[in-house]
Amino acid sequence: MATIERARGGSVRSDGPDALERRAMALWPRLDRAALRRCHNDAHRIAALVARRTTMPPEAIVAVLTMPRVDDEEVSTWFG
């Protein structure tokens, strides 16, 4: 499993080397794929790319991209 660096220096486990790119495309489907590839799976570079298209600040975009995954078992625990 790959490790993604968070904005505050901690780390979060991801599904693979392109997890940030896949998450970014899921959240912002009209992103330019070539520009996204040039970000090299760097959360801050992806945030700079996305910030051009949204009113979200880059810090919030990084937080959304790097938040840990929640599996189905955790969802049923939290929401019944």
PDB file of N, CA and C in Angstrom:
ATOM      1  N   MET A   1       0.827  -1.186   0.000  1.00  0.00           N
ATOM      2  CA  MET A   1       0.000   0.000   0.000  1.00  0.00           C
ATOM      3  C   MET A   1       0.868   1.244   0.000  1.00  0.00           C
ATOM      4  N   ALA A   2       0.410   2.271  -0.660  1.00  0.00           N
ATOM      5  CA  ALA A   2       1.159   3.526  -0.715  1.00  0.00           C
ATOM      6  C   ALA A   2       0.781   4.402   0.463  1.00  0.00           C
ATOM      7  N   THR A   3       1.629   5.338   0.752  1.00  0.00           N
ATOM      8  CA  THR A   3       1.361   6.285   1.818  1.00  0.00           C
ATOM      9  C   THR A   3       1.223   7.666   1.209  1.00  0.00           C
ATOM     10  N   ILE A   4       0.221   8.402   1.637  1.00  0.00           N
ATOM     11  CA  ILE A   4      -0.016   9.752   1.152  1.00  0.00           C
ATOM     12  C   ILE A   4       0.320  10.713   2.272  1.00  0.00           C
ATOM     13  N   GLU A   5       1.112  11.740   1.974  1.00  0.00           N
ATOM     14  CA  GLU A   5       1.443  12.725   2.989  1.00  0.00           C
ATOM     15  C   GLU A   5       0.290  13.694   3.168  1.00  0.00           C
ATOM     16  N   ARG A   6      -0.059  13.953   4.405  1.00  0.00           N
ATOM     17  CA  ARG A   6      -1.119  14.908   4.709  1.00  0.00           C
ATOM     18  C   ARG A   6      -0.541  16.302   4.842  1.00  0.00           C
ATOM     19  N   ALA A   7      -1.386  17.305   4.872  1.00  0.00           N
ATOM     20  CA  ALA A   7      -0.962  18.697   4.947  1.00  0.00           C
ATOM     21  C   ALA A   7      -0.172  18.987   6.220  1.00  0.00           C
ATOM     22  N   ARG A   8      -0.460  18.316   7.307  1.00  0.00           N
ATOM     23  CA  ARG A   8       0.204  18.595   8.573  1.00  0.00           C
ATOM     24  C   ARG A   8       1.375  17.665   8.853  1.00  0.00           C
ATOM     25  N   GLY A   9       1.793  16.883   7.872  1.00  0.00           N
ATOM     26  CA  GLY A   9       2.964  16.040   8.047  1.00  0.00           C
ATOM     27  C   GLY A   9       2.663  14.603   8.409  1.00  0.00           C
ATOM     28  N   GLY A  10       1.435  14.267   8.802  1.00  0.00           N
ATOM     29  CA  GLY A  10       1.078  12.887   9.099  1.00  0.00           C
ATOM     30  C   GLY A  10       0.918  12.111   7.806  1.00  0.00           C
ATOM     31  N   SER A  11       0.509  10.873   7.893  1.00  0.00           N
ATOM     32  CA  SER A  11       0.308  10.098   6.676  1.00  0.00           C
ATOM     33  C   SER A  11      -0.972   9.295   6.777  1.00  0.00           C
ATOM     34  N   VAL A  12      -1.494   8.944   5.618  1.00  0.00           N
ATOM     35  CA  VAL A  12      -2.729   8.180   5.509  1.00  0.00           C
ATOM     36  C   VAL A  12      -2.489   7.065   4.508  1.00  0.00           C
ATOM     37  N   ARG A  13      -2.975   5.884   4.783  1.00  0.00           N
ATOM     38  CA  ARG A  13      -2.844   4.779   3.836  1.00  0.00           C
ATOM     39  C   ARG A  13      -3.804   4.998   2.674  1.00  0.00           C
ATOM     40  N   SER A  14      -3.379   4.615   1.490  1.00  0.00           N
ATOM     41  CA  SER A  14      -4.222   4.746   0.312  1.00  0.00           C
ATOM     42  C   SER A  14      -4.334   3.387  -0.370  1.00  0.00           C
ATOM     43  N   ASP A  15      -5.066   3.338  -1.458  1.00  0.00           N
ATOM     44  CA  ASP A  15      -5.259   2.088  -2.182  1.00  0.00           C
ATOM     45  C   ASP A  15      -4.161   1.804  -3.183  1.00  0.00           C
ATOM     46  N   GLY A  16      -3.445   2.793  -3.600  1.00  0.00           N
ATOM     47  CA  GLY A  16      -2.417   2.569  -4.604  1.00  0.00           C
ATOM     48  C   GLY A  16      -1.698   3.848  -4.946  1.00  0.00           C
ATOM     49  N   PRO A  17      -0.786   3.748  -5.900  1.00  0.00           N
ATOM     50  CA  PRO A  17       0.034   4.910  -6.233  1.00  0.00           C
ATOM     51  C   PRO A  17      -0.732   6.056  -6.888  1.00  0.00           C
ATOM     52  N   ASP A  18      -1.877   5.782  -7.464  1.00  0.00           N
ATOM     53  CA  ASP A  18      -2.646   6.845  -8.112  1.00  0.00           C
ATOM     54  C   ASP A  18      -3.953   7.148  -7.370  1.00  0.00           C
ATOM     55  N   ALA A  19      -3.981   6.895  -6.081  1.00  0.00           N
ATOM     56  CA  ALA A  19      -5.209   7.070  -5.301  1.00  0.00           C
ATOM     57  C   ALA A  19      -5.673   8.522  -5.281  1.00  0.00           C
ATOM     58  N   LEU A  20      -4.750   9.463  -5.163  1.00  0.00           N
ATOM     59  CA  LEU A  20      -5.143  10.877  -5.140  1.00  0.00           C
ATOM     60  C   LEU A  20      -5.732  11.296  -6.477  1.00  0.00           C
ATOM     61  N   GLU A  21      -5.139  10.842  -7.561  1.00  0.00           N
ATOM     62  CA  GLU A  21      -5.663  11.180  -8.886  1.00  0.00           C
ATOM     63  C   GLU A  21      -7.069  10.618  -9.074  1.00  0.00           C
ATOM     64  N   ARG A  22      -7.273   9.362  -8.645  1.00  0.00           N
ATOM     65  CA  ARG A  22      -8.603   8.758  -8.776  1.00  0.00           C
ATOM     66  C   ARG A  22      -9.625   9.493  -7.913  1.00  0.00           C
ATOM     67  N   ARG A  23      -9.234   9.876  -6.698  1.00  0.00           N
ATOM     68  CA  ARG A  23     -10.148  10.608  -5.825  1.00  0.00           C
ATOM     69  C   ARG A  23     -10.468  11.980  -6.406  1.00  0.00           C
ATOM     70  N   ALA A  24      -9.467  12.651  -6.955  1.00  0.00           N
ATOM     71  CA  ALA A  24      -9.682  13.958  -7.569  1.00  0.00           C
ATOM     72  C   ALA A  24     -10.637  13.848  -8.754  1.00  0.00           C
ATOM     73  N   MET A  25     -10.469  12.818  -9.588  1.00  0.00           N
ATOM     74  CA  MET A  25     -11.367  12.642 -10.732  1.00  0.00           C
ATOM     75  C   MET A  25     -12.782  12.298 -10.291  1.00  0.00           C
ATOM     76  N   ALA A  26     -12.914  11.586  -9.182  1.00  0.00           N
ATOM     77  CA  ALA A  26     -14.250  11.264  -8.672  1.00  0.00           C
ATOM     78  C   ALA A  26     -14.948  12.514  -8.145  1.00  0.00           C
ATOM     79  N   LEU A  27     -14.195  13.387  -7.503  1.00  0.00           N
ATOM     80  CA  LEU A  27     -14.780  14.599  -6.931  1.00  0.00           C
ATOM     81  C   LEU A  27     -14.981  15.707  -7.961  1.00  0.00           C
ATOM     82  N   TRP A  28     -14.051  15.824  -8.892  1.00  0.00           N
ATOM     83  CA  TRP A  28     -14.103  16.855  -9.928  1.00  0.00           C
ATOM     84  C   TRP A  28     -13.916  16.176 -11.278  1.00  0.00           C
ATOM     85  N   PRO A  29     -14.981  15.557 -11.828  1.00  0.00           N
ATOM     86  CA  PRO A  29     -14.848  14.697 -13.013  1.00  0.00           C
ATOM     87  C   PRO A  29     -14.407  15.416 -14.287  1.00  0.00           C
ATOM     88  N   ARG A  30     -14.515  16.723 -14.358  1.00  0.00           N
ATOM     89  CA  ARG A  30     -14.138  17.414 -15.588  1.00  0.00           C
ATOM     90  C   ARG A  30     -12.703  17.940 -15.554  1.00  0.00           C
ATOM     91  N   LEU A  31     -11.905  17.476 -14.596  1.00  0.00           N
ATOM     92  CA  LEU A  31     -10.496  17.872 -14.552  1.00  0.00           C
ATOM     93  C   LEU A  31      -9.773  17.375 -15.790  1.00  0.00           C
ATOM     94  N   ASP A  32      -8.798  18.138 -16.218  1.00  0.00           N
ATOM     95  CA  ASP A  32      -7.960  17.742 -17.345  1.00  0.00           C
ATOM     96  C   ASP A  32      -7.041  16.609 -16.892  1.00  0.00           C
ATOM     97  N   ARG A  33      -7.210  15.433 -17.491  1.00  0.00           N
ATOM     98  CA  ARG A  33      -6.433  14.264 -17.079  1.00  0.00           C
ATOM     99  C   ARG A  33      -4.930  14.461 -17.292  1.00  0.00           C
ATOM    100  N   ALA A  34      -4.552  15.118 -18.371  1.00  0.00           N
ATOM    101  CA  ALA A  34      -3.127  15.347 -18.632  1.00  0.00           C
ATOM    102  C   ALA A  34      -2.538  16.277 -17.574  1.00  0.00           C
ATOM    103  N   ALA A  35      -3.248  17.322 -17.224  1.00  0.00           N
ATOM    104  CA  ALA A  35      -2.781  18.236 -16.178  1.00  0.00           C
ATOM    105  C   ALA A  35      -2.718  17.516 -14.834  1.00  0.00           C
ATOM    106  N   LEU A  36      -3.680  16.652 -14.581  1.00  0.00           N
ATOM    107  CA  LEU A  36      -3.697  15.892 -13.337  1.00  0.00           C
ATOM    108  C   LEU A  36      -2.496  14.946 -13.260  1.00  0.00           C
ATOM    109  N   ARG A  37      -2.138  14.314 -14.373  1.00  0.00           N
ATOM    110  CA  ARG A  37      -0.976  13.434 -14.401  1.00  0.00           C
ATOM    111  C   ARG A  37       0.313  14.201 -14.131  1.00  0.00           C
ATOM    112  N   ARG A  38       0.381  15.439 -14.606  1.00  0.00           N
ATOM    113  CA  ARG A  38       1.575  16.262 -14.375  1.00  0.00           C
ATOM    114  C   ARG A  38       1.746  16.641 -12.908  1.00  0.00           C
ATOM    115  N   CYS A  39       0.717  16.456 -12.097  1.00  0.00           N
ATOM    116  CA  CYS A  39       0.806  16.730 -10.661  1.00  0.00           C
ATOM    117  C   CYS A  39       1.556  15.628  -9.924  1.00  0.00           C
ATOM    118  N   HIS A  40       1.786  14.493 -10.561  1.00  0.00           N
ATOM    119  CA  HIS A  40       2.543  13.379 -10.002  1.00  0.00           C
ATOM    120  C   HIS A  40       2.029  12.935  -8.638  1.00  0.00           C
ATOM    121  N   ASN A  41       0.703  12.909  -8.496  1.00  0.00           N
ATOM    122  CA  ASN A  41       0.051  12.405  -7.284  1.00  0.00           C
ATOM    123  C   ASN A  41       0.428  13.196  -6.030  1.00  0.00           C
ATOM    124  N   ASP A  42       0.770  14.475  -6.212  1.00  0.00           N
ATOM    125  CA  ASP A  42       1.099  15.376  -5.097  1.00  0.00           C
ATOM    126  C   ASP A  42      -0.167  16.136  -4.720  1.00  0.00           C
ATOM    127  N   ALA A  43      -0.604  15.977  -3.472  1.00  0.00           N
ATOM    128  CA  ALA A  43      -1.860  16.582  -3.028  1.00  0.00           C
ATOM    129  C   ALA A  43      -1.857  18.102  -3.184  1.00  0.00           C
ATOM    130  N   HIS A  44      -0.749  18.745  -2.919  1.00  0.00           N
ATOM    131  CA  HIS A  44      -0.689  20.211  -3.004  1.00  0.00           C
ATOM    132  C   HIS A  44      -0.738  20.688  -4.454  1.00  0.00           C
ATOM    133  N   ARG A  45      -0.115  19.959  -5.347  1.00  0.00           N
ATOM    134  CA  ARG A  45      -0.178  20.330  -6.767  1.00  0.00           C
ATOM    135  C   ARG A  45      -1.573  20.093  -7.322  1.00  0.00           C
ATOM    136  N   ILE A  46      -2.208  18.998  -6.915  1.00  0.00           N
ATOM    137  CA  ILE A  46      -3.588  18.742  -7.346  1.00  0.00           C
ATOM    138  C   ILE A  46      -4.504  19.825  -6.797  1.00  0.00           C
ATOM    139  N   ALA A  47      -4.289  20.233  -5.549  1.00  0.00           N
ATOM    140  CA  ALA A  47      -5.104  21.295  -4.947  1.00  0.00           C
ATOM    141  C   ALA A  47      -4.959  22.602  -5.713  1.00  0.00           C
ATOM    142  N   ALA A  48      -3.755  22.919  -6.155  1.00  0.00           N
ATOM    143  CA  ALA A  48      -3.548  24.137  -6.946  1.00  0.00           C
ATOM    144  C   ALA A  48      -4.299  24.057  -8.273  1.00  0.00           C
ATOM    145  N   LEU A  49      -4.316  22.869  -8.883  1.00  0.00           N
ATOM    146  CA  LEU A  49      -5.044  22.668 -10.134  1.00  0.00           C
ATOM    147  C   LEU A  49      -6.548  22.820  -9.918  1.00  0.00           C
ATOM    148  N   VAL A  50      -7.068  22.195  -8.874  1.00  0.00           N
ATOM    149  CA  VAL A  50      -8.507  22.231  -8.601  1.00  0.00           C
ATOM    150  C   VAL A  50      -8.942  23.626  -8.148  1.00  0.00           C
ATOM    151  N   ALA A  51      -8.086  24.332  -7.414  1.00  0.00           N
ATOM    152  CA  ALA A  51      -8.440  25.650  -6.877  1.00  0.00           C
ATOM    153  C   ALA A  51      -8.762  26.647  -7.980  1.00  0.00           C
ATOM    154  N   ARG A  52      -8.258  26.412  -9.176  1.00  0.00           N
ATOM    155  CA  ARG A  52      -8.582  27.292 -10.307  1.00  0.00           C
ATOM    156  C   ARG A  52     -10.039  27.167 -10.737  1.00  0.00           C
ATOM    157  N   ARG A  53     -10.679  26.047 -10.376  1.00  0.00           N
ATOM    158  CA  ARG A  53     -12.034  25.773 -10.846  1.00  0.00           C
ATOM    159  C   ARG A  53     -13.095  25.882  -9.769  1.00  0.00           C
ATOM    160  N   THR A  54     -12.704  26.071  -8.521  1.00  0.00           N
ATOM    161  CA  THR A  54     -13.668  26.056  -7.429  1.00  0.00           C
ATOM    162  C   THR A  54     -13.362  27.179  -6.459  1.00  0.00           C
ATOM    163  N   THR A  55     -14.311  27.453  -5.586  1.00  0.00           N
ATOM    164  CA  THR A  55     -14.101  28.489  -4.571  1.00  0.00           C
ATOM    165  C   THR A  55     -13.488  27.923  -3.295  1.00  0.00           C
ATOM    166  N   MET A  56     -13.266  26.614  -3.261  1.00  0.00           N
ATOM    167  CA  MET A  56     -12.656  25.996  -2.082  1.00  0.00           C
ATOM    168  C   MET A  56     -11.200  26.445  -1.956  1.00  0.00           C
ATOM    169  N   PRO A  57     -10.758  26.748  -0.745  1.00  0.00           N
ATOM    170  CA  PRO A  57      -9.333  27.080  -0.573  1.00  0.00           C
ATOM    171  C   PRO A  57      -8.476  25.828  -0.746  1.00  0.00           C
ATOM    172  N   PRO A  58      -7.230  25.995  -1.171  1.00  0.00           N
ATOM    173  CA  PRO A  58      -6.350  24.831  -1.384  1.00  0.00           C
ATOM    174  C   PRO A  58      -6.203  23.946  -0.150  1.00  0.00           C
ATOM    175  N   GLU A  59      -6.215  24.524   1.045  1.00  0.00           N
ATOM    176  CA  GLU A  59      -6.090  23.725   2.267  1.00  0.00           C
ATOM    177  C   GLU A  59      -7.263  22.765   2.411  1.00  0.00           C
ATOM    178  N   ALA A  60      -8.461  23.220   2.064  1.00  0.00           N
ATOM    179  CA  ALA A  60      -9.646  22.363   2.144  1.00  0.00           C
ATOM    180  C   ALA A  60      -9.592  21.262   1.086  1.00  0.00           C
ATOM    181  N   ILE A  61      -9.082  21.586  -0.087  1.00  0.00           N
ATOM    182  CA  ILE A  61      -8.966  20.590  -1.155  1.00  0.00           C
ATOM    183  C   ILE A  61      -7.984  19.495  -0.742  1.00  0.00           C
ATOM    184  N   VAL A  62      -6.858  19.886  -0.157  1.00  0.00           N
ATOM    185  CA  VAL A  62      -5.876  18.898   0.324  1.00  0.00           C
ATOM    186  C   VAL A  62      -6.510  18.013   1.397  1.00  0.00           C
ATOM    187  N   ALA A  63      -7.279  18.623   2.295  1.00  0.00           N
ATOM    188  CA  ALA A  63      -7.933  17.845   3.355  1.00  0.00           C
ATOM    189  C   ALA A  63      -8.917  16.834   2.771  1.00  0.00           C
ATOM    190  N   VAL A  64      -9.687  17.235   1.774  1.00  0.00           N
ATOM    191  CA  VAL A  64     -10.647  16.325   1.141  1.00  0.00           C
ATOM    192  C   VAL A  64      -9.914  15.194   0.413  1.00  0.00           C
ATOM    193  N   LEU A  65      -8.837  15.529  -0.271  1.00  0.00           N
ATOM    194  CA  LEU A  65      -8.092  14.516  -1.023  1.00  0.00           C
ATOM    195  C   LEU A  65      -7.391  13.507  -0.126  1.00  0.00           C
ATOM    196  N   THR A  66      -6.931  13.932   1.050  1.00  0.00           N
ATOM    197  CA  THR A  66      -6.112  13.067   1.889  1.00  0.00           C
ATOM    198  C   THR A  66      -6.860  12.458   3.071  1.00  0.00           C
ATOM    199  N   MET A  67      -8.152  12.730   3.190  1.00  0.00           N
ATOM    200  CA  MET A  67      -8.882  12.131   4.307  1.00  0.00           C
ATOM    201  C   MET A  67      -8.886  10.614   4.169  1.00  0.00           C
ATOM    202  N   PRO A  68      -8.848   9.916   5.294  1.00  0.00           N
ATOM    203  CA  PRO A  68      -8.796   8.450   5.230  1.00  0.00           C
ATOM    204  C   PRO A  68     -10.082   7.852   4.676  1.00  0.00           C
ATOM    205  N   ARG A  69      -9.930   6.682   4.052  1.00  0.00           N
ATOM    206  CA  ARG A  69     -11.098   5.959   3.531  1.00  0.00           C
ATOM    207  C   ARG A  69     -11.933   5.425   4.669  1.00  0.00           C
ATOM    208  N   VAL A  70     -13.212   5.327   4.437  1.00  0.00           N
ATOM    209  CA  VAL A  70     -14.138   4.745   5.408  1.00  0.00           C
ATOM    210  C   VAL A  70     -14.725   3.506   4.760  1.00  0.00           C
ATOM    211  N   ASP A  71     -14.570   2.358   5.418  1.00  0.00           N
ATOM    212  CA  ASP A  71     -15.118   1.139   4.829  1.00  0.00           C
ATOM    213  C   ASP A  71     -16.573   0.953   5.252  1.00  0.00           C
ATOM    214  N   ASP A  72     -17.250  -0.011   4.641  1.00  0.00           N
ATOM    215  CA  ASP A  72     -18.681  -0.232   4.872  1.00  0.00           C
ATOM    216  C   ASP A  72     -18.986  -0.553   6.332  1.00  0.00           C
ATOM    217  N   GLU A  73     -18.096  -1.269   6.981  1.00  0.00           N
ATOM    218  CA  GLU A  73     -18.320  -1.627   8.384  1.00  0.00           C
ATOM    219  C   GLU A  73     -18.339  -0.381   9.273  1.00  0.00           C
ATOM    220  N   GLU A  74     -17.451   0.548   9.016  1.00  0.00           N
ATOM    221  CA  GLU A  74     -17.431   1.793   9.798  1.00  0.00           C
ATOM    222  C   GLU A  74     -18.682   2.621   9.549  1.00  0.00           C
ATOM    223  N   VAL A  75     -19.151   2.646   8.313  1.00  0.00           N
ATOM    224  CA  VAL A  75     -20.364   3.400   8.003  1.00  0.00           C
ATOM    225  C   VAL A  75     -21.549   2.826   8.764  1.00  0.00           C
ATOM    226  N   SER A  76     -21.680   1.510   8.790  1.00  0.00           N
ATOM    227  CA  SER A  76     -22.816   0.905   9.509  1.00  0.00           C
ATOM    228  C   SER A  76     -22.703   1.137  11.012  1.00  0.00           C
ATOM    229  N   THR A  77     -21.461   1.223  11.530  1.00  0.00           N
ATOM    230  CA  THR A  77     -21.265   1.505  12.949  1.00  0.00           C
ATOM    231  C   THR A  77     -21.696   2.931  13.277  1.00  0.00           C
ATOM    232  N   TRP A  78     -21.321   3.864  12.408  1.00  0.00           N
ATOM    233  CA  TRP A  78     -21.625   5.268  12.673  1.00  0.00           C
ATOM    234  C   TRP A  78     -23.092   5.606  12.439  1.00  0.00           C
ATOM    235  N   PHE A  79     -23.673   5.057  11.365  1.00  0.00           N
ATOM    236  CA  PHE A  79     -25.016   5.480  10.960  1.00  0.00           C
ATOM    237  C   PHE A  79     -26.078   4.416  11.115  1.00  0.00           C
ATOM    238  N   GLY A  80     -25.757   3.277  11.711  1.00  0.00           N
ATOM    239  CA  GLY A  80     -26.741   2.231  11.979  1.00  0.00           C
ATOM    240  C   GLY A  80     -27.103   1.453  10.852  1.00  0.00           C
TER     241      GLY A  80
END
